[in-house]
Amino acid sequence: MNRLYEKELFREYVFKGKILRLRLDQVELENGSKARREVVEHDGAVAVLPFDADGYVHLVTQYRKPIDRSLQEVPAGRLEVGEDPIACAKRELREETGLHGGEVIPIGYIYTTPGFCDEKIYLFVAFDLRPGENHPDPDEFLNVERLPWEAFIERCAQGQITDAKTLALALRARAKVEAYFSDKKSG
């Protein structure tokens, strides 16, 4: 049986920026041969599937330079070094959508692209949020859309939403969302 492990022999940083670092690793494979790995280090992020008090999902659309197009996605943002993920989730919700209050529930995490990057995104679902004024970062331009849960799921299923963290949240949060609305109807 394979050990499924690579021993790091050497690490060299070739770039250190504001949001990521790029390193080249020399590794020894389990068969004894050597290989080179290009690794992007990232401080991590949060993503939140937000519901207002009326049960509507709020999504943001923003331009993403790496793919040269706009994407519709859940509110999300980068963790500051040492920042608590729940605090970051609440901050990003307020900044991007103006939504605040309510209950923010952690539902795990995902690795976005582990073939070359260590980015870990903490996932949250938030209920009963109240509206407020958004305050995006100075270099952040986005549009906010409010839509029913069923329309959100349909967009995900039909390929209209292609952002990985948003799709992961749609899947991961589904049971919790359906239970929440079932309890709300019966209560």
N, C-alpha and C. Protein backbone atom coordinates (compact mmCIF):
# COMPACT_ATOMS: atom_id res chain seq x y z
N MET A 1 0.84 -1.18 0.00
CA MET A 1 0.00 0.00 0.00
C MET A 1 0.89 1.25 0.00
N ASN A 2 0.51 2.26 -0.76
CA ASN A 2 1.26 3.52 -0.82
C ASN A 2 1.16 4.29 0.48
N ARG A 3 2.27 4.95 0.84
CA ARG A 3 2.29 5.77 2.05
C ARG A 3 1.59 7.12 1.83
N LEU A 4 1.53 7.54 0.58
CA LEU A 4 0.91 8.82 0.21
C LEU A 4 1.51 9.99 0.99
N TYR A 5 2.84 10.08 0.88
CA TYR A 5 3.58 11.12 1.58
C TYR A 5 4.78 11.52 0.75
N GLU A 6 5.13 12.81 0.80
CA GLU A 6 6.34 13.30 0.15
C GLU A 6 7.22 13.98 1.19
N LYS A 7 8.48 13.58 1.24
CA LYS A 7 9.42 14.17 2.19
C LYS A 7 10.03 15.43 1.57
N GLU A 8 9.89 16.55 2.29
CA GLU A 8 10.46 17.80 1.80
C GLU A 8 11.96 17.81 2.03
N LEU A 9 12.71 18.08 0.95
CA LEU A 9 14.16 18.14 1.03
C LEU A 9 14.67 19.58 1.07
N PHE A 10 13.97 20.47 0.37
CA PHE A 10 14.44 21.84 0.24
C PHE A 10 13.24 22.74 -0.06
N ARG A 11 13.28 23.96 0.47
CA ARG A 11 12.21 24.94 0.24
C ARG A 11 12.85 26.28 -0.07
N GLU A 12 12.35 26.93 -1.14
CA GLU A 12 12.86 28.25 -1.51
C GLU A 12 11.67 29.16 -1.84
N TYR A 13 11.62 30.33 -1.17
CA TYR A 13 10.58 31.30 -1.48
C TYR A 13 11.04 32.16 -2.65
N VAL A 14 10.18 32.28 -3.66
CA VAL A 14 10.52 33.08 -4.83
C VAL A 14 9.70 34.37 -4.90
N PHE A 15 8.61 34.43 -4.10
CA PHE A 15 7.79 35.64 -4.06
C PHE A 15 7.05 35.69 -2.75
N LYS A 16 7.02 36.88 -2.13
CA LYS A 16 6.22 37.11 -0.93
C LYS A 16 5.45 38.41 -1.15
N GLY A 17 4.13 38.28 -1.26
CA GLY A 17 3.28 39.43 -1.50
C GLY A 17 2.32 39.69 -0.35
N LYS A 18 1.35 40.57 -0.59
CA LYS A 18 0.37 40.96 0.42
C LYS A 18 -0.58 39.82 0.78
N ILE A 19 -1.01 39.03 -0.22
CA ILE A 19 -2.00 37.98 0.05
C ILE A 19 -1.49 36.57 -0.17
N LEU A 20 -0.31 36.42 -0.75
CA LEU A 20 0.20 35.07 -0.96
C LEU A 20 1.70 35.05 -1.05
N ARG A 21 2.24 33.84 -0.91
CA ARG A 21 3.67 33.59 -1.07
C ARG A 21 3.81 32.41 -2.02
N LEU A 22 4.84 32.45 -2.85
CA LEU A 22 5.11 31.36 -3.78
C LEU A 22 6.45 30.74 -3.42
N ARG A 23 6.44 29.43 -3.28
CA ARG A 23 7.68 28.73 -2.95
C ARG A 23 7.87 27.55 -3.90
N LEU A 24 9.12 27.15 -4.04
CA LEU A 24 9.49 25.96 -4.80
C LEU A 24 10.05 24.95 -3.81
N ASP A 25 9.45 23.76 -3.79
CA ASP A 25 9.89 22.70 -2.89
C ASP A 25 10.52 21.57 -3.69
N GLN A 26 11.59 21.03 -3.17
CA GLN A 26 12.18 19.79 -3.70
C GLN A 26 11.73 18.70 -2.76
N VAL A 27 11.12 17.64 -3.29
CA VAL A 27 10.61 16.56 -2.45
C VAL A 27 11.14 15.22 -2.92
N GLU A 28 11.14 14.29 -1.98
CA GLU A 28 11.47 12.91 -2.31
C GLU A 28 10.16 12.12 -2.27
N LEU A 29 9.90 11.42 -3.36
CA LEU A 29 8.69 10.61 -3.45
C LEU A 29 8.91 9.27 -2.76
N GLU A 30 7.84 8.54 -2.53
CA GLU A 30 7.96 7.29 -1.78
C GLU A 30 8.76 6.22 -2.53
N ASN A 31 8.95 6.39 -3.85
CA ASN A 31 9.77 5.43 -4.60
C ASN A 31 11.24 5.85 -4.64
N GLY A 32 11.57 6.96 -3.93
CA GLY A 32 12.95 7.42 -3.85
C GLY A 32 13.32 8.48 -4.88
N SER A 33 12.50 8.67 -5.91
CA SER A 33 12.82 9.70 -6.91
C SER A 33 12.47 11.08 -6.35
N LYS A 34 13.02 12.10 -7.00
CA LYS A 34 12.82 13.48 -6.55
C LYS A 34 11.90 14.20 -7.52
N ALA A 35 11.17 15.18 -6.98
CA ALA A 35 10.27 15.99 -7.79
C ALA A 35 10.27 17.41 -7.25
N ARG A 36 9.84 18.32 -8.09
CA ARG A 36 9.74 19.73 -7.70
C ARG A 36 8.26 20.10 -7.59
N ARG A 37 7.93 20.84 -6.56
CA ARG A 37 6.55 21.28 -6.34
C ARG A 37 6.51 22.80 -6.25
N GLU A 38 5.58 23.40 -6.97
CA GLU A 38 5.32 24.83 -6.87
C GLU A 38 4.13 25.00 -5.94
N VAL A 39 4.33 25.75 -4.86
CA VAL A 39 3.30 25.87 -3.83
C VAL A 39 2.97 27.33 -3.56
N VAL A 40 1.68 27.65 -3.59
CA VAL A 40 1.20 28.97 -3.20
C VAL A 40 0.69 28.88 -1.78
N GLU A 41 1.24 29.71 -0.90
CA GLU A 41 0.77 29.79 0.48
C GLU A 41 -0.20 30.96 0.60
N HIS A 42 -1.28 30.74 1.31
CA HIS A 42 -2.32 31.76 1.49
C HIS A 42 -2.74 31.76 2.95
N ASP A 43 -3.07 32.92 3.51
CA ASP A 43 -3.41 33.03 4.93
C ASP A 43 -4.78 32.46 5.28
N GLY A 44 -5.56 32.10 4.29
CA GLY A 44 -6.89 31.56 4.54
C GLY A 44 -7.97 32.60 4.35
N ALA A 45 -9.21 32.12 4.34
CA ALA A 45 -10.34 33.00 4.07
C ALA A 45 -11.60 32.44 4.70
N VAL A 46 -12.67 33.21 4.59
CA VAL A 46 -14.00 32.79 5.04
C VAL A 46 -14.97 32.99 3.89
N ALA A 47 -16.07 32.25 3.93
CA ALA A 47 -17.18 32.43 2.99
C ALA A 47 -18.46 32.21 3.77
N VAL A 48 -19.46 33.04 3.50
CA VAL A 48 -20.71 32.99 4.27
C VAL A 48 -21.91 32.93 3.33
N LEU A 49 -22.78 31.98 3.58
CA LEU A 49 -24.07 31.91 2.89
C LEU A 49 -25.07 32.65 3.78
N PRO A 50 -25.43 33.91 3.43
CA PRO A 50 -26.25 34.73 4.32
C PRO A 50 -27.73 34.74 3.96
N PHE A 51 -28.57 34.64 4.98
CA PHE A 51 -30.02 34.73 4.83
C PHE A 51 -30.52 35.90 5.66
N ASP A 52 -31.33 36.75 5.05
CA ASP A 52 -31.94 37.84 5.83
C ASP A 52 -33.12 37.28 6.62
N ALA A 53 -33.76 38.13 7.39
CA ALA A 53 -34.86 37.70 8.26
C ALA A 53 -36.06 37.18 7.47
N ASP A 54 -36.16 37.55 6.18
CA ASP A 54 -37.25 37.06 5.32
C ASP A 54 -36.89 35.76 4.62
N GLY A 55 -35.68 35.24 4.85
CA GLY A 55 -35.27 33.96 4.26
C GLY A 55 -34.65 34.06 2.88
N TYR A 56 -34.24 35.24 2.47
CA TYR A 56 -33.61 35.42 1.17
C TYR A 56 -32.09 35.34 1.28
N VAL A 57 -31.48 34.74 0.28
CA VAL A 57 -30.02 34.66 0.16
C VAL A 57 -29.50 35.97 -0.43
N HIS A 58 -28.34 36.40 0.04
CA HIS A 58 -27.70 37.59 -0.54
C HIS A 58 -26.38 37.16 -1.17
N LEU A 59 -26.22 37.46 -2.46
CA LEU A 59 -25.00 37.15 -3.19
C LEU A 59 -24.36 38.43 -3.68
N VAL A 60 -23.07 38.38 -3.91
CA VAL A 60 -22.36 39.52 -4.49
C VAL A 60 -21.82 39.12 -5.86
N THR A 61 -21.78 40.09 -6.74
CA THR A 61 -21.14 39.90 -8.04
C THR A 61 -19.98 40.87 -8.10
N GLN A 62 -18.81 40.34 -8.44
CA GLN A 62 -17.63 41.20 -8.56
C GLN A 62 -16.70 40.68 -9.64
N TYR A 63 -15.92 41.60 -10.17
CA TYR A 63 -14.96 41.27 -11.22
C TYR A 63 -13.78 40.55 -10.59
N ARG A 64 -13.32 39.48 -11.26
CA ARG A 64 -12.18 38.70 -10.80
C ARG A 64 -11.11 38.71 -11.89
N LYS A 65 -10.06 39.46 -11.66
CA LYS A 65 -9.01 39.66 -12.66
C LYS A 65 -8.38 38.35 -13.15
N PRO A 66 -8.07 37.37 -12.28
CA PRO A 66 -7.41 36.16 -12.78
C PRO A 66 -8.19 35.44 -13.88
N ILE A 67 -9.52 35.56 -13.89
CA ILE A 67 -10.30 34.90 -14.94
C ILE A 67 -10.92 35.93 -15.90
N ASP A 68 -10.66 37.20 -15.67
CA ASP A 68 -11.09 38.30 -16.55
C ASP A 68 -12.60 38.31 -16.77
N ARG A 69 -13.35 38.12 -15.68
CA ARG A 69 -14.81 38.22 -15.76
C ARG A 69 -15.40 38.40 -14.37
N SER A 70 -16.66 38.73 -14.34
CA SER A 70 -17.38 38.87 -13.08
C SER A 70 -17.98 37.53 -12.68
N LEU A 71 -18.02 37.30 -11.38
CA LEU A 71 -18.62 36.08 -10.83
C LEU A 71 -19.64 36.45 -9.77
N GLN A 72 -20.70 35.66 -9.71
CA GLN A 72 -21.64 35.78 -8.62
C GLN A 72 -21.22 34.77 -7.56
N GLU A 73 -21.14 35.24 -6.32
CA GLU A 73 -20.63 34.40 -5.25
C GLU A 73 -21.17 34.84 -3.90
N VAL A 74 -20.95 34.03 -2.90
CA VAL A 74 -21.30 34.41 -1.53
C VAL A 74 -20.30 35.43 -1.03
N PRO A 75 -20.68 36.24 -0.04
CA PRO A 75 -19.70 37.14 0.57
C PRO A 75 -18.54 36.34 1.16
N ALA A 76 -17.34 36.84 0.94
CA ALA A 76 -16.14 36.13 1.38
C ALA A 76 -15.00 37.11 1.54
N GLY A 77 -13.97 36.68 2.24
CA GLY A 77 -12.80 37.54 2.37
C GLY A 77 -11.66 36.84 3.06
N ARG A 78 -10.51 37.46 2.93
CA ARG A 78 -9.27 36.92 3.46
C ARG A 78 -9.17 37.17 4.95
N LEU A 79 -8.69 36.15 5.65
CA LEU A 79 -8.41 36.26 7.08
C LEU A 79 -7.17 37.12 7.29
N GLU A 80 -7.25 38.01 8.25
CA GLU A 80 -6.05 38.73 8.68
C GLU A 80 -5.26 37.76 9.55
N VAL A 81 -3.95 37.95 9.62
CA VAL A 81 -3.12 37.05 10.42
C VAL A 81 -3.61 37.03 11.87
N GLY A 82 -3.94 35.84 12.38
CA GLY A 82 -4.41 35.68 13.75
C GLY A 82 -5.88 35.99 13.96
N GLU A 83 -6.61 36.36 12.92
CA GLU A 83 -8.02 36.72 13.07
C GLU A 83 -8.89 35.48 13.25
N ASP A 84 -9.87 35.58 14.14
CA ASP A 84 -10.84 34.51 14.36
C ASP A 84 -11.75 34.41 13.14
N PRO A 85 -11.95 33.20 12.58
CA PRO A 85 -12.78 33.06 11.38
C PRO A 85 -14.21 33.59 11.54
N ILE A 86 -14.84 33.40 12.70
CA ILE A 86 -16.20 33.92 12.88
C ILE A 86 -16.20 35.45 12.85
N ALA A 87 -15.23 36.08 13.50
CA ALA A 87 -15.13 37.54 13.47
C ALA A 87 -14.93 38.02 12.03
N CYS A 88 -14.10 37.31 11.29
CA CYS A 88 -13.86 37.66 9.89
C CYS A 88 -15.14 37.51 9.08
N ALA A 89 -15.89 36.45 9.31
CA ALA A 89 -17.14 36.23 8.58
C ALA A 89 -18.12 37.38 8.84
N LYS A 90 -18.25 37.79 10.08
CA LYS A 90 -19.15 38.90 10.42
C LYS A 90 -18.67 40.20 9.78
N ARG A 91 -17.37 40.43 9.80
CA ARG A 91 -16.80 41.63 9.20
C ARG A 91 -17.08 41.67 7.70
N GLU A 92 -16.83 40.54 7.02
CA GLU A 92 -17.03 40.49 5.58
C GLU A 92 -18.51 40.66 5.20
N LEU A 93 -19.40 40.05 5.98
CA LEU A 93 -20.84 40.22 5.73
C LEU A 93 -21.21 41.70 5.77
N ARG A 94 -20.77 42.38 6.79
CA ARG A 94 -21.10 43.81 6.97
C ARG A 94 -20.48 44.64 5.86
N GLU A 95 -19.20 44.39 5.57
CA GLU A 95 -18.51 45.17 4.53
C GLU A 95 -19.16 45.00 3.16
N GLU A 96 -19.43 43.76 2.76
CA GLU A 96 -19.87 43.49 1.40
C GLU A 96 -21.37 43.65 1.19
N THR A 97 -22.18 43.33 2.21
CA THR A 97 -23.63 43.35 2.01
C THR A 97 -24.36 44.30 2.95
N GLY A 98 -23.73 44.69 4.04
CA GLY A 98 -24.40 45.48 5.06
C GLY A 98 -25.15 44.64 6.06
N LEU A 99 -25.28 43.35 5.80
CA LEU A 99 -26.02 42.46 6.70
C LEU A 99 -25.26 42.27 8.01
N HIS A 100 -26.02 42.21 9.11
CA HIS A 100 -25.39 42.04 10.42
C HIS A 100 -26.39 41.44 11.39
N GLY A 101 -25.90 41.10 12.60
CA GLY A 101 -26.75 40.49 13.62
C GLY A 101 -27.01 39.04 13.28
N GLY A 102 -28.10 38.52 13.77
CA GLY A 102 -28.46 37.14 13.45
C GLY A 102 -27.49 36.13 14.03
N GLU A 103 -27.53 34.94 13.45
CA GLU A 103 -26.72 33.83 13.92
C GLU A 103 -25.78 33.37 12.80
N VAL A 104 -24.49 33.32 13.10
CA VAL A 104 -23.48 32.87 12.14
C VAL A 104 -22.97 31.51 12.63
N ILE A 105 -23.18 30.48 11.79
CA ILE A 105 -22.90 29.10 12.20
C ILE A 105 -21.78 28.50 11.36
N PRO A 106 -20.70 28.04 11.98
CA PRO A 106 -19.63 27.38 11.22
C PRO A 106 -20.09 26.01 10.71
N ILE A 107 -19.72 25.70 9.45
CA ILE A 107 -20.08 24.39 8.89
C ILE A 107 -18.88 23.73 8.21
N GLY A 108 -17.70 23.97 8.74
CA GLY A 108 -16.51 23.29 8.23
C GLY A 108 -15.63 24.18 7.38
N TYR A 109 -14.83 23.54 6.55
CA TYR A 109 -13.90 24.27 5.69
C TYR A 109 -13.64 23.45 4.44
N ILE A 110 -13.04 24.12 3.45
CA ILE A 110 -12.61 23.45 2.22
C ILE A 110 -11.21 23.92 1.88
N TYR A 111 -10.50 23.09 1.13
CA TYR A 111 -9.24 23.51 0.49
C TYR A 111 -9.60 23.80 -0.96
N THR A 112 -9.27 25.00 -1.43
CA THR A 112 -9.74 25.43 -2.74
C THR A 112 -9.06 24.71 -3.90
N THR A 113 -7.75 24.67 -3.91
CA THR A 113 -7.00 24.08 -5.01
C THR A 113 -5.74 23.42 -4.47
N PRO A 114 -5.88 22.28 -3.78
CA PRO A 114 -4.73 21.68 -3.09
C PRO A 114 -3.66 21.10 -4.00
N GLY A 115 -3.86 21.12 -5.29
CA GLY A 115 -2.82 20.67 -6.19
C GLY A 115 -1.63 21.62 -6.23
N PHE A 116 -1.86 22.89 -5.85
CA PHE A 116 -0.76 23.85 -5.85
C PHE A 116 -0.89 24.93 -4.77
N CYS A 117 -1.98 24.94 -4.01
CA CYS A 117 -2.22 26.02 -3.05
C CYS A 117 -2.73 25.47 -1.73
N ASP A 118 -2.31 26.08 -0.61
CA ASP A 118 -2.77 25.62 0.71
C ASP A 118 -3.95 26.43 1.25
N GLU A 119 -4.61 27.25 0.40
CA GLU A 119 -5.71 28.08 0.87
C GLU A 119 -6.82 27.23 1.50
N LYS A 120 -7.20 27.63 2.71
CA LYS A 120 -8.27 26.97 3.46
C LYS A 120 -9.36 28.02 3.67
N ILE A 121 -10.58 27.70 3.22
CA ILE A 121 -11.70 28.62 3.40
C ILE A 121 -12.66 28.04 4.43
N TYR A 122 -12.89 28.79 5.49
CA TYR A 122 -13.84 28.42 6.53
C TYR A 122 -15.24 28.80 6.04
N LEU A 123 -16.17 27.86 6.15
CA LEU A 123 -17.53 28.05 5.63
C LEU A 123 -18.51 28.32 6.77
N PHE A 124 -19.45 29.23 6.49
CA PHE A 124 -20.47 29.60 7.46
C PHE A 124 -21.81 29.76 6.77
N VAL A 125 -22.87 29.52 7.52
CA VAL A 125 -24.21 29.88 7.10
C VAL A 125 -24.73 30.84 8.17
N ALA A 126 -25.45 31.88 7.74
CA ALA A 126 -25.94 32.89 8.68
C ALA A 126 -27.44 33.12 8.45
N PHE A 127 -28.19 33.17 9.55
CA PHE A 127 -29.64 33.33 9.48
C PHE A 127 -30.08 34.59 10.22
N ASP A 128 -31.26 35.08 9.84
CA ASP A 128 -31.92 36.21 10.50
C ASP A 128 -31.07 37.47 10.53
N LEU A 129 -30.37 37.72 9.46
CA LEU A 129 -29.52 38.91 9.39
C LEU A 129 -30.38 40.16 9.11
N ARG A 130 -29.95 41.27 9.66
CA ARG A 130 -30.64 42.54 9.46
C ARG A 130 -29.91 43.37 8.41
N PRO A 131 -30.66 44.14 7.62
CA PRO A 131 -30.01 44.97 6.60
C PRO A 131 -29.30 46.17 7.22
N GLY A 132 -28.33 46.66 6.50
CA GLY A 132 -27.59 47.85 6.89
C GLY A 132 -26.83 48.34 5.67
N GLU A 133 -26.01 49.32 5.88
CA GLU A 133 -25.23 49.89 4.77
C GLU A 133 -23.92 49.12 4.62
N ASN A 134 -23.60 48.76 3.37
CA ASN A 134 -22.34 48.06 3.16
C ASN A 134 -21.19 49.06 3.04
N HIS A 135 -19.99 48.57 3.32
CA HIS A 135 -18.79 49.40 3.27
C HIS A 135 -17.65 48.58 2.65
N PRO A 136 -17.71 48.37 1.32
CA PRO A 136 -16.64 47.57 0.70
C PRO A 136 -15.28 48.25 0.84
N ASP A 137 -14.23 47.45 0.71
CA ASP A 137 -12.88 48.00 0.71
C ASP A 137 -12.74 49.00 -0.43
N PRO A 138 -11.81 49.95 -0.32
CA PRO A 138 -11.66 50.98 -1.37
C PRO A 138 -11.39 50.42 -2.77
N ASP A 139 -10.79 49.25 -2.86
CA ASP A 139 -10.49 48.66 -4.17
C ASP A 139 -11.49 47.56 -4.55
N GLU A 140 -12.63 47.54 -3.87
CA GLU A 140 -13.63 46.48 -4.07
C GLU A 140 -14.93 47.09 -4.60
N PHE A 141 -15.33 46.64 -5.79
CA PHE A 141 -16.57 47.11 -6.40
C PHE A 141 -17.44 45.89 -6.63
N LEU A 142 -18.66 45.94 -6.11
CA LEU A 142 -19.53 44.77 -6.22
C LEU A 142 -20.99 45.17 -6.24
N ASN A 143 -21.81 44.26 -6.72
CA ASN A 143 -23.25 44.40 -6.71
C ASN A 143 -23.81 43.31 -5.81
N VAL A 144 -24.85 43.65 -5.06
CA VAL A 144 -25.49 42.69 -4.16
C VAL A 144 -26.86 42.34 -4.72
N GLU A 145 -27.17 41.05 -4.73
CA GLU A 145 -28.48 40.59 -5.18
C GLU A 145 -29.12 39.74 -4.09
N ARG A 146 -30.41 39.91 -3.92
CA ARG A 146 -31.21 39.18 -2.94
C ARG A 146 -32.12 38.25 -3.72
N LEU A 147 -32.10 36.94 -3.38
CA LEU A 147 -32.94 36.00 -4.10
C LEU A 147 -33.39 34.85 -3.21
N PRO A 148 -34.47 34.18 -3.59
CA PRO A 148 -34.94 33.04 -2.80
C PRO A 148 -33.95 31.87 -2.84
N TRP A 149 -33.95 31.07 -1.79
CA TRP A 149 -33.10 29.89 -1.68
C TRP A 149 -33.23 28.99 -2.90
N GLU A 150 -34.45 28.72 -3.33
CA GLU A 150 -34.68 27.82 -4.47
C GLU A 150 -34.04 28.37 -5.75
N ALA A 151 -34.10 29.68 -5.95
CA ALA A 151 -33.47 30.30 -7.14
C ALA A 151 -31.96 30.19 -7.06
N PHE A 152 -31.41 30.35 -5.87
CA PHE A 152 -29.97 30.18 -5.67
C PHE A 152 -29.53 28.76 -6.02
N ILE A 153 -30.25 27.77 -5.49
CA ILE A 153 -29.92 26.37 -5.76
C ILE A 153 -30.05 26.07 -7.25
N GLU A 154 -31.07 26.61 -7.89
CA GLU A 154 -31.26 26.40 -9.33
C GLU A 154 -30.09 26.98 -10.13
N ARG A 155 -29.63 28.17 -9.76
CA ARG A 155 -28.47 28.77 -10.45
C ARG A 155 -27.22 27.90 -10.28
N CYS A 156 -27.06 27.34 -9.09
CA CYS A 156 -25.92 26.45 -8.85
C CYS A 156 -26.04 25.20 -9.72
N ALA A 157 -27.21 24.59 -9.73
CA ALA A 157 -27.42 23.34 -10.48
C ALA A 157 -27.31 23.54 -11.99
N GLN A 158 -27.71 24.71 -12.49
CA GLN A 158 -27.71 24.98 -13.93
C GLN A 158 -26.36 25.50 -14.43
N GLY A 159 -25.37 25.67 -13.54
CA GLY A 159 -24.06 26.15 -13.96
C GLY A 159 -23.97 27.65 -14.13
N GLN A 160 -24.97 28.39 -13.66
CA GLN A 160 -24.90 29.85 -13.72
C GLN A 160 -23.98 30.41 -12.66
N ILE A 161 -23.84 29.68 -11.56
CA ILE A 161 -22.87 30.03 -10.52
C ILE A 161 -21.73 29.02 -10.63
N THR A 162 -20.52 29.52 -10.82
CA THR A 162 -19.36 28.65 -11.05
C THR A 162 -18.27 28.82 -10.00
N ASP A 163 -18.47 29.68 -9.04
CA ASP A 163 -17.50 29.91 -7.98
C ASP A 163 -17.48 28.72 -7.02
N ALA A 164 -16.31 28.13 -6.81
CA ALA A 164 -16.20 26.88 -6.05
C ALA A 164 -16.66 27.02 -4.60
N LYS A 165 -16.28 28.09 -3.92
CA LYS A 165 -16.67 28.23 -2.52
C LYS A 165 -18.19 28.37 -2.39
N THR A 166 -18.81 29.04 -3.36
CA THR A 166 -20.26 29.21 -3.34
C THR A 166 -20.96 27.87 -3.57
N LEU A 167 -20.44 27.09 -4.50
CA LEU A 167 -21.01 25.77 -4.76
C LEU A 167 -20.83 24.84 -3.56
N ALA A 168 -19.66 24.91 -2.94
CA ALA A 168 -19.41 24.09 -1.75
C ALA A 168 -20.38 24.47 -0.63
N LEU A 169 -20.62 25.75 -0.46
CA LEU A 169 -21.56 26.19 0.57
C LEU A 169 -22.98 25.74 0.26
N ALA A 170 -23.38 25.80 -1.00
CA ALA A 170 -24.72 25.35 -1.37
C ALA A 170 -24.92 23.89 -0.97
N LEU A 171 -23.92 23.08 -1.21
CA LEU A 171 -24.00 21.66 -0.87
C LEU A 171 -23.90 21.44 0.64
N ARG A 172 -22.90 22.04 1.25
CA ARG A 172 -22.63 21.80 2.67
C ARG A 172 -23.75 22.34 3.56
N ALA A 173 -24.35 23.47 3.18
CA ALA A 173 -25.35 24.11 4.02
C ALA A 173 -26.77 23.58 3.79
N ARG A 174 -26.96 22.83 2.75
CA ARG A 174 -28.32 22.45 2.33
C ARG A 174 -29.16 21.84 3.46
N ALA A 175 -28.65 20.84 4.15
CA ALA A 175 -29.43 20.20 5.22
C ALA A 175 -29.72 21.17 6.35
N LYS A 176 -28.75 22.00 6.73
CA LYS A 176 -28.95 22.96 7.81
C LYS A 176 -29.99 24.01 7.41
N VAL A 177 -29.94 24.46 6.16
CA VAL A 177 -30.89 25.46 5.67
C VAL A 177 -32.30 24.88 5.65
N GLU A 178 -32.43 23.68 5.10
CA GLU A 178 -33.76 23.06 5.02
C GLU A 178 -34.33 22.79 6.41
N ALA A 179 -33.50 22.37 7.35
CA ALA A 179 -33.96 22.14 8.73
C ALA A 179 -34.37 23.45 9.38
N TYR A 180 -33.61 24.50 9.13
CA TYR A 180 -33.91 25.82 9.71
C TYR A 180 -35.28 26.29 9.23
N PHE A 181 -35.54 26.22 7.93
CA PHE A 181 -36.81 26.71 7.40
C PHE A 181 -37.96 25.78 7.77
N SER A 182 -37.70 24.50 7.92
CA SER A 182 -38.73 23.57 8.37
C SER A 182 -39.14 23.89 9.81
N ASP A 183 -38.13 24.14 10.68
CA ASP A 183 -38.41 24.51 12.07
C ASP A 183 -39.15 25.83 12.14
N LYS A 184 -38.80 26.76 11.28
CA LYS A 184 -39.42 28.08 11.28
C LYS A 184 -40.90 27.99 10.88
N LYS A 185 -41.20 27.11 9.91
CA LYS A 185 -42.60 26.91 9.47
C LYS A 185 -43.43 26.24 10.56
N SER A 186 -42.83 25.26 11.24
CA SER A 186 -43.59 24.52 12.25
C SER A 186 -43.65 25.26 13.58
N GLY A 187 -42.76 26.23 13.76
CA GLY A 187 -42.70 26.95 15.03
C GLY A 187 -43.44 28.19 14.98
